[in-house]
Amino acid sequence: MLRGFAFAACLTSFAAAAAEFVPGVDDLPLMPGLEANAAASTAFETPTGRIVEAEAQGRGVSEAEVRRFYAGTLPALGWKRVDDRRYDRAGERLSLGFAQRQGQLVVRFDIRPR
């Protein structure tokens, strides 16, 4: 019985982690190991499309891991790879930016009309 409980707890944990998204983008998953910085996020609509600027950070996460995660995840969500930091979908461009701050990798998500 304890094994069943541990398995169910693991599934619940996984489901909760999978439900996290980049702030302002309800269909852009936040990579496990990154934590959203809601204070650094902005989203609004313009006549030509939405503009979203969001930020997340994580310790022990590399830029290469983040690029690999999104290269594997974004095509299933309709994004087409332009290069290892840019993706296009339905008239929008998603750009990923990277920086180091206080020992953490900071990832910037920028969505703008193309």
N, C-alpha and C. Protein backbone atom coordinates (compact mmCIF):
# COMPACT_ATOMS: atom_id res chain seq x y z
N MET A 1 0.82 -1.19 0.00
CA MET A 1 0.00 0.00 0.00
C MET A 1 0.86 1.25 0.00
N LEU A 2 1.96 1.23 0.72
CA LEU A 2 2.84 2.38 0.78
C LEU A 2 3.43 2.68 -0.59
N ARG A 3 3.75 1.64 -1.36
CA ARG A 3 4.29 1.85 -2.72
C ARG A 3 3.28 2.59 -3.59
N GLY A 4 2.01 2.20 -3.51
CA GLY A 4 0.96 2.86 -4.28
C GLY A 4 0.85 4.33 -3.91
N PHE A 5 0.97 4.63 -2.62
CA PHE A 5 0.91 6.02 -2.15
C PHE A 5 2.10 6.81 -2.70
N ALA A 6 3.30 6.22 -2.64
CA ALA A 6 4.49 6.90 -3.13
C ALA A 6 4.37 7.16 -4.63
N PHE A 7 3.84 6.19 -5.38
CA PHE A 7 3.66 6.36 -6.81
C PHE A 7 2.65 7.48 -7.09
N ALA A 8 1.54 7.48 -6.37
CA ALA A 8 0.52 8.52 -6.55
C ALA A 8 1.08 9.90 -6.19
N ALA A 9 1.89 9.98 -5.15
CA ALA A 9 2.50 11.26 -4.76
C ALA A 9 3.45 11.73 -5.85
N CYS A 10 4.18 10.79 -6.43
CA CYS A 10 5.11 11.13 -7.51
C CYS A 10 4.34 11.66 -8.72
N LEU A 11 3.24 11.00 -9.08
CA LEU A 11 2.42 11.46 -10.21
C LEU A 11 1.83 12.84 -9.94
N THR A 12 1.36 13.06 -8.72
CA THR A 12 0.79 14.36 -8.36
C THR A 12 1.87 15.43 -8.46
N SER A 13 3.06 15.13 -7.99
CA SER A 13 4.18 16.06 -8.08
C SER A 13 4.49 16.40 -9.52
N PHE A 14 4.53 15.36 -10.38
CA PHE A 14 4.83 15.57 -11.79
C PHE A 14 3.75 16.41 -12.44
N ALA A 15 2.49 16.14 -12.14
CA ALA A 15 1.39 16.90 -12.73
C ALA A 15 1.45 18.36 -12.30
N ALA A 16 1.79 18.61 -11.05
CA ALA A 16 1.90 19.99 -10.57
C ALA A 16 3.03 20.71 -11.28
N ALA A 17 4.17 20.04 -11.47
CA ALA A 17 5.30 20.65 -12.16
C ALA A 17 4.95 20.92 -13.61
N ALA A 18 4.23 20.00 -14.24
CA ALA A 18 3.89 20.15 -15.65
C ALA A 18 2.88 21.27 -15.86
N ALA A 19 2.18 21.66 -14.82
CA ALA A 19 1.15 22.69 -14.95
C ALA A 19 1.72 24.10 -14.87
N GLU A 20 3.02 24.25 -14.69
CA GLU A 20 3.60 25.58 -14.59
C GLU A 20 3.93 26.11 -15.98
N PHE A 21 3.57 27.38 -16.18
CA PHE A 21 3.78 28.01 -17.47
C PHE A 21 4.52 29.33 -17.28
N VAL A 22 5.13 29.78 -18.37
CA VAL A 22 5.79 31.08 -18.37
C VAL A 22 4.72 32.13 -18.11
N PRO A 23 4.95 33.07 -17.19
CA PRO A 23 3.93 34.09 -16.89
C PRO A 23 3.49 34.84 -18.15
N GLY A 24 2.18 34.97 -18.30
CA GLY A 24 1.62 35.69 -19.43
C GLY A 24 1.42 34.85 -20.68
N VAL A 25 1.84 33.57 -20.63
CA VAL A 25 1.70 32.70 -21.80
C VAL A 25 1.15 31.36 -21.32
N ASP A 26 -0.14 31.15 -21.49
CA ASP A 26 -0.78 29.97 -20.92
C ASP A 26 -0.48 28.67 -21.67
N ASP A 27 0.28 28.74 -22.76
CA ASP A 27 0.62 27.51 -23.47
C ASP A 27 2.13 27.38 -23.71
N LEU A 28 2.91 28.04 -22.86
CA LEU A 28 4.37 27.93 -22.95
C LEU A 28 4.88 27.39 -21.61
N PRO A 29 5.21 26.08 -21.56
CA PRO A 29 5.59 25.48 -20.28
C PRO A 29 6.89 26.06 -19.74
N LEU A 30 6.95 26.15 -18.43
CA LEU A 30 8.16 26.58 -17.75
C LEU A 30 9.01 25.34 -17.50
N MET A 31 10.24 25.35 -17.98
CA MET A 31 11.12 24.20 -17.82
C MET A 31 11.30 23.86 -16.34
N PRO A 32 11.21 22.58 -15.98
CA PRO A 32 11.51 22.19 -14.61
C PRO A 32 12.91 22.67 -14.23
N GLY A 33 13.04 23.20 -13.03
CA GLY A 33 14.31 23.74 -12.57
C GLY A 33 14.36 25.26 -12.68
N LEU A 34 13.40 25.83 -13.43
CA LEU A 34 13.30 27.28 -13.52
C LEU A 34 12.14 27.76 -12.66
N GLU A 35 12.28 28.94 -12.11
CA GLU A 35 11.23 29.55 -11.30
C GLU A 35 10.88 30.90 -11.93
N ALA A 36 9.60 31.11 -12.17
CA ALA A 36 9.15 32.35 -12.80
C ALA A 36 9.38 33.54 -11.88
N ASN A 37 9.74 34.65 -12.46
CA ASN A 37 9.87 35.92 -11.75
C ASN A 37 8.72 36.79 -12.21
N ALA A 38 7.58 36.69 -11.54
CA ALA A 38 6.36 37.40 -11.96
C ALA A 38 6.56 38.91 -11.96
N ALA A 39 7.41 39.43 -11.09
CA ALA A 39 7.64 40.87 -11.02
C ALA A 39 8.33 41.40 -12.28
N ALA A 40 9.00 40.53 -13.02
CA ALA A 40 9.71 40.95 -14.23
C ALA A 40 8.93 40.58 -15.49
N SER A 41 7.64 40.32 -15.36
CA SER A 41 6.84 39.87 -16.49
C SER A 41 5.78 40.90 -16.86
N THR A 42 5.59 41.07 -18.17
CA THR A 42 4.60 41.99 -18.71
C THR A 42 3.93 41.33 -19.89
N ALA A 43 2.63 41.49 -20.02
CA ALA A 43 1.91 40.96 -21.18
C ALA A 43 0.77 41.90 -21.53
N PHE A 44 0.65 42.21 -22.82
CA PHE A 44 -0.48 43.02 -23.27
C PHE A 44 -0.70 42.79 -24.76
N GLU A 45 -1.90 43.18 -25.20
CA GLU A 45 -2.29 43.05 -26.60
C GLU A 45 -2.11 44.39 -27.30
N THR A 46 -1.67 44.33 -28.55
CA THR A 46 -1.58 45.51 -29.40
C THR A 46 -2.44 45.24 -30.64
N PRO A 47 -2.69 46.24 -31.45
CA PRO A 47 -3.45 46.00 -32.67
C PRO A 47 -2.78 44.98 -33.61
N THR A 48 -1.46 44.84 -33.52
CA THR A 48 -0.76 43.89 -34.39
C THR A 48 -0.49 42.55 -33.72
N GLY A 49 -0.84 42.38 -32.45
CA GLY A 49 -0.62 41.11 -31.75
C GLY A 49 -0.16 41.33 -30.33
N ARG A 50 0.08 40.23 -29.62
CA ARG A 50 0.46 40.34 -28.21
C ARG A 50 1.96 40.57 -28.06
N ILE A 51 2.28 41.20 -26.94
CA ILE A 51 3.68 41.39 -26.54
C ILE A 51 3.80 40.82 -25.14
N VAL A 52 4.72 39.90 -24.98
CA VAL A 52 4.96 39.28 -23.68
C VAL A 52 6.46 39.34 -23.40
N GLU A 53 6.80 39.85 -22.23
CA GLU A 53 8.17 39.80 -21.73
C GLU A 53 8.10 39.11 -20.38
N ALA A 54 8.82 38.02 -20.24
CA ALA A 54 8.78 37.25 -19.00
C ALA A 54 10.20 36.80 -18.66
N GLU A 55 10.37 36.47 -17.39
CA GLU A 55 11.69 36.08 -16.90
C GLU A 55 11.54 34.92 -15.92
N ALA A 56 12.51 34.02 -15.97
CA ALA A 56 12.58 32.92 -15.01
C ALA A 56 14.05 32.69 -14.70
N GLN A 57 14.33 32.09 -13.56
CA GLN A 57 15.70 31.82 -13.19
C GLN A 57 15.81 30.47 -12.49
N GLY A 58 17.03 29.95 -12.49
CA GLY A 58 17.26 28.68 -11.81
C GLY A 58 18.73 28.45 -11.54
N ARG A 59 19.00 27.76 -10.44
CA ARG A 59 20.37 27.35 -10.09
C ARG A 59 20.59 25.95 -10.64
N GLY A 60 21.80 25.70 -11.07
CA GLY A 60 22.13 24.35 -11.55
C GLY A 60 21.51 24.02 -12.90
N VAL A 61 21.04 25.02 -13.60
CA VAL A 61 20.45 24.83 -14.92
C VAL A 61 21.35 25.56 -15.92
N SER A 62 21.70 24.90 -17.01
CA SER A 62 22.58 25.54 -17.99
C SER A 62 21.77 26.08 -19.17
N GLU A 63 22.38 27.02 -19.86
CA GLU A 63 21.76 27.57 -21.07
C GLU A 63 21.51 26.46 -22.08
N ALA A 64 22.48 25.55 -22.25
CA ALA A 64 22.33 24.45 -23.20
C ALA A 64 21.13 23.57 -22.84
N GLU A 65 20.92 23.29 -21.55
CA GLU A 65 19.77 22.48 -21.12
C GLU A 65 18.46 23.18 -21.45
N VAL A 66 18.41 24.48 -21.22
CA VAL A 66 17.19 25.24 -21.50
C VAL A 66 16.91 25.23 -23.01
N ARG A 67 17.93 25.48 -23.81
CA ARG A 67 17.75 25.46 -25.27
C ARG A 67 17.27 24.09 -25.74
N ARG A 68 17.85 23.00 -25.19
CA ARG A 68 17.42 21.65 -25.56
C ARG A 68 15.97 21.39 -25.15
N PHE A 69 15.60 21.82 -23.94
CA PHE A 69 14.24 21.61 -23.47
C PHE A 69 13.24 22.28 -24.42
N TYR A 70 13.49 23.54 -24.75
CA TYR A 70 12.54 24.24 -25.61
C TYR A 70 12.61 23.77 -27.06
N ALA A 71 13.76 23.33 -27.53
CA ALA A 71 13.86 22.75 -28.88
C ALA A 71 13.03 21.48 -28.98
N GLY A 72 12.93 20.74 -27.88
CA GLY A 72 12.13 19.52 -27.86
C GLY A 72 10.66 19.74 -27.56
N THR A 73 10.33 20.83 -26.89
CA THR A 73 8.96 21.10 -26.44
C THR A 73 8.17 21.98 -27.41
N LEU A 74 8.79 23.03 -27.91
CA LEU A 74 8.07 24.04 -28.68
C LEU A 74 7.48 23.53 -30.00
N PRO A 75 8.16 22.67 -30.76
CA PRO A 75 7.54 22.20 -32.02
C PRO A 75 6.18 21.52 -31.80
N ALA A 76 6.02 20.80 -30.71
CA ALA A 76 4.74 20.15 -30.41
C ALA A 76 3.64 21.16 -30.13
N LEU A 77 4.03 22.39 -29.82
CA LEU A 77 3.07 23.46 -29.53
C LEU A 77 2.88 24.39 -30.73
N GLY A 78 3.41 23.98 -31.87
CA GLY A 78 3.22 24.74 -33.09
C GLY A 78 4.30 25.75 -33.43
N TRP A 79 5.33 25.85 -32.58
CA TRP A 79 6.43 26.78 -32.84
C TRP A 79 7.41 26.15 -33.81
N LYS A 80 7.86 26.92 -34.80
CA LYS A 80 8.88 26.46 -35.75
C LYS A 80 10.21 27.12 -35.41
N ARG A 81 11.25 26.31 -35.36
CA ARG A 81 12.58 26.78 -34.97
C ARG A 81 13.19 27.66 -36.07
N VAL A 82 13.62 28.85 -35.69
CA VAL A 82 14.37 29.73 -36.58
C VAL A 82 15.85 29.49 -36.35
N ASP A 83 16.26 29.50 -35.09
CA ASP A 83 17.61 29.13 -34.67
C ASP A 83 17.50 28.68 -33.22
N ASP A 84 18.63 28.49 -32.53
CA ASP A 84 18.55 27.90 -31.18
C ASP A 84 17.99 28.86 -30.12
N ARG A 85 17.65 30.09 -30.50
CA ARG A 85 17.06 31.04 -29.55
C ARG A 85 15.77 31.69 -30.04
N ARG A 86 15.35 31.37 -31.27
CA ARG A 86 14.15 32.01 -31.81
C ARG A 86 13.22 30.99 -32.47
N TYR A 87 11.91 31.21 -32.26
CA TYR A 87 10.87 30.34 -32.80
C TYR A 87 9.73 31.21 -33.31
N ASP A 88 9.08 30.78 -34.40
CA ASP A 88 7.95 31.49 -34.98
C ASP A 88 6.70 30.63 -34.90
N ARG A 89 5.55 31.32 -34.71
CA ARG A 89 4.26 30.65 -34.72
C ARG A 89 3.17 31.68 -34.99
N ALA A 90 2.33 31.42 -35.96
CA ALA A 90 1.13 32.22 -36.23
C ALA A 90 1.35 33.72 -36.12
N GLY A 91 2.34 34.23 -36.82
CA GLY A 91 2.59 35.67 -36.84
C GLY A 91 3.32 36.22 -35.63
N GLU A 92 3.84 35.32 -34.78
CA GLU A 92 4.58 35.75 -33.60
C GLU A 92 6.00 35.20 -33.63
N ARG A 93 6.89 35.87 -32.93
CA ARG A 93 8.25 35.37 -32.75
C ARG A 93 8.54 35.29 -31.25
N LEU A 94 9.00 34.12 -30.81
CA LEU A 94 9.46 33.90 -29.45
C LEU A 94 10.97 33.94 -29.47
N SER A 95 11.55 34.79 -28.64
CA SER A 95 13.01 34.86 -28.50
C SER A 95 13.38 34.50 -27.07
N LEU A 96 14.43 33.72 -26.93
CA LEU A 96 14.97 33.35 -25.62
C LEU A 96 16.27 34.12 -25.41
N GLY A 97 16.42 34.73 -24.25
CA GLY A 97 17.65 35.42 -23.90
C GLY A 97 18.20 34.83 -22.61
N PHE A 98 19.51 34.91 -22.44
CA PHE A 98 20.15 34.29 -21.28
C PHE A 98 21.13 35.24 -20.63
N ALA A 99 21.20 35.19 -19.30
CA ALA A 99 22.16 35.98 -18.53
C ALA A 99 22.43 35.24 -17.23
N GLN A 100 23.47 35.64 -16.55
CA GLN A 100 23.79 35.12 -15.22
C GLN A 100 23.55 36.24 -14.21
N ARG A 101 22.88 35.92 -13.11
CA ARG A 101 22.65 36.89 -12.05
C ARG A 101 22.74 36.18 -10.71
N GLN A 102 23.68 36.60 -9.90
CA GLN A 102 23.86 36.06 -8.54
C GLN A 102 23.90 34.54 -8.54
N GLY A 103 24.70 33.97 -9.44
CA GLY A 103 24.88 32.53 -9.48
C GLY A 103 23.73 31.75 -10.09
N GLN A 104 22.79 32.42 -10.69
CA GLN A 104 21.65 31.75 -11.32
C GLN A 104 21.60 32.08 -12.80
N LEU A 105 21.10 31.13 -13.58
CA LEU A 105 20.82 31.40 -14.98
C LEU A 105 19.49 32.12 -15.05
N VAL A 106 19.46 33.24 -15.75
CA VAL A 106 18.22 34.00 -15.97
C VAL A 106 17.83 33.80 -17.42
N VAL A 107 16.58 33.39 -17.64
CA VAL A 107 16.06 33.17 -18.99
C VAL A 107 14.99 34.22 -19.25
N ARG A 108 15.14 34.95 -20.34
CA ARG A 108 14.14 35.95 -20.77
C ARG A 108 13.34 35.37 -21.93
N PHE A 109 12.03 35.47 -21.82
CA PHE A 109 11.12 35.04 -22.87
C PHE A 109 10.50 36.30 -23.46
N ASP A 110 10.59 36.46 -24.75
CA ASP A 110 10.08 37.66 -25.41
C ASP A 110 9.23 37.22 -26.60
N ILE A 111 7.95 37.55 -26.59
CA ILE A 111 7.05 37.23 -27.70
C ILE A 111 6.57 38.55 -28.28
N ARG A 112 6.70 38.68 -29.59
CA ARG A 112 6.27 39.89 -30.30
C ARG A 112 5.69 39.49 -31.65
N PRO A 113 4.86 40.37 -32.21
CA PRO A 113 4.39 40.11 -33.58
C PRO A 113 5.58 40.12 -34.55
N ARG A 114 5.51 39.29 -35.58
CA ARG A 114 6.57 39.29 -36.61
C ARG A 114 6.30 40.36 -37.63
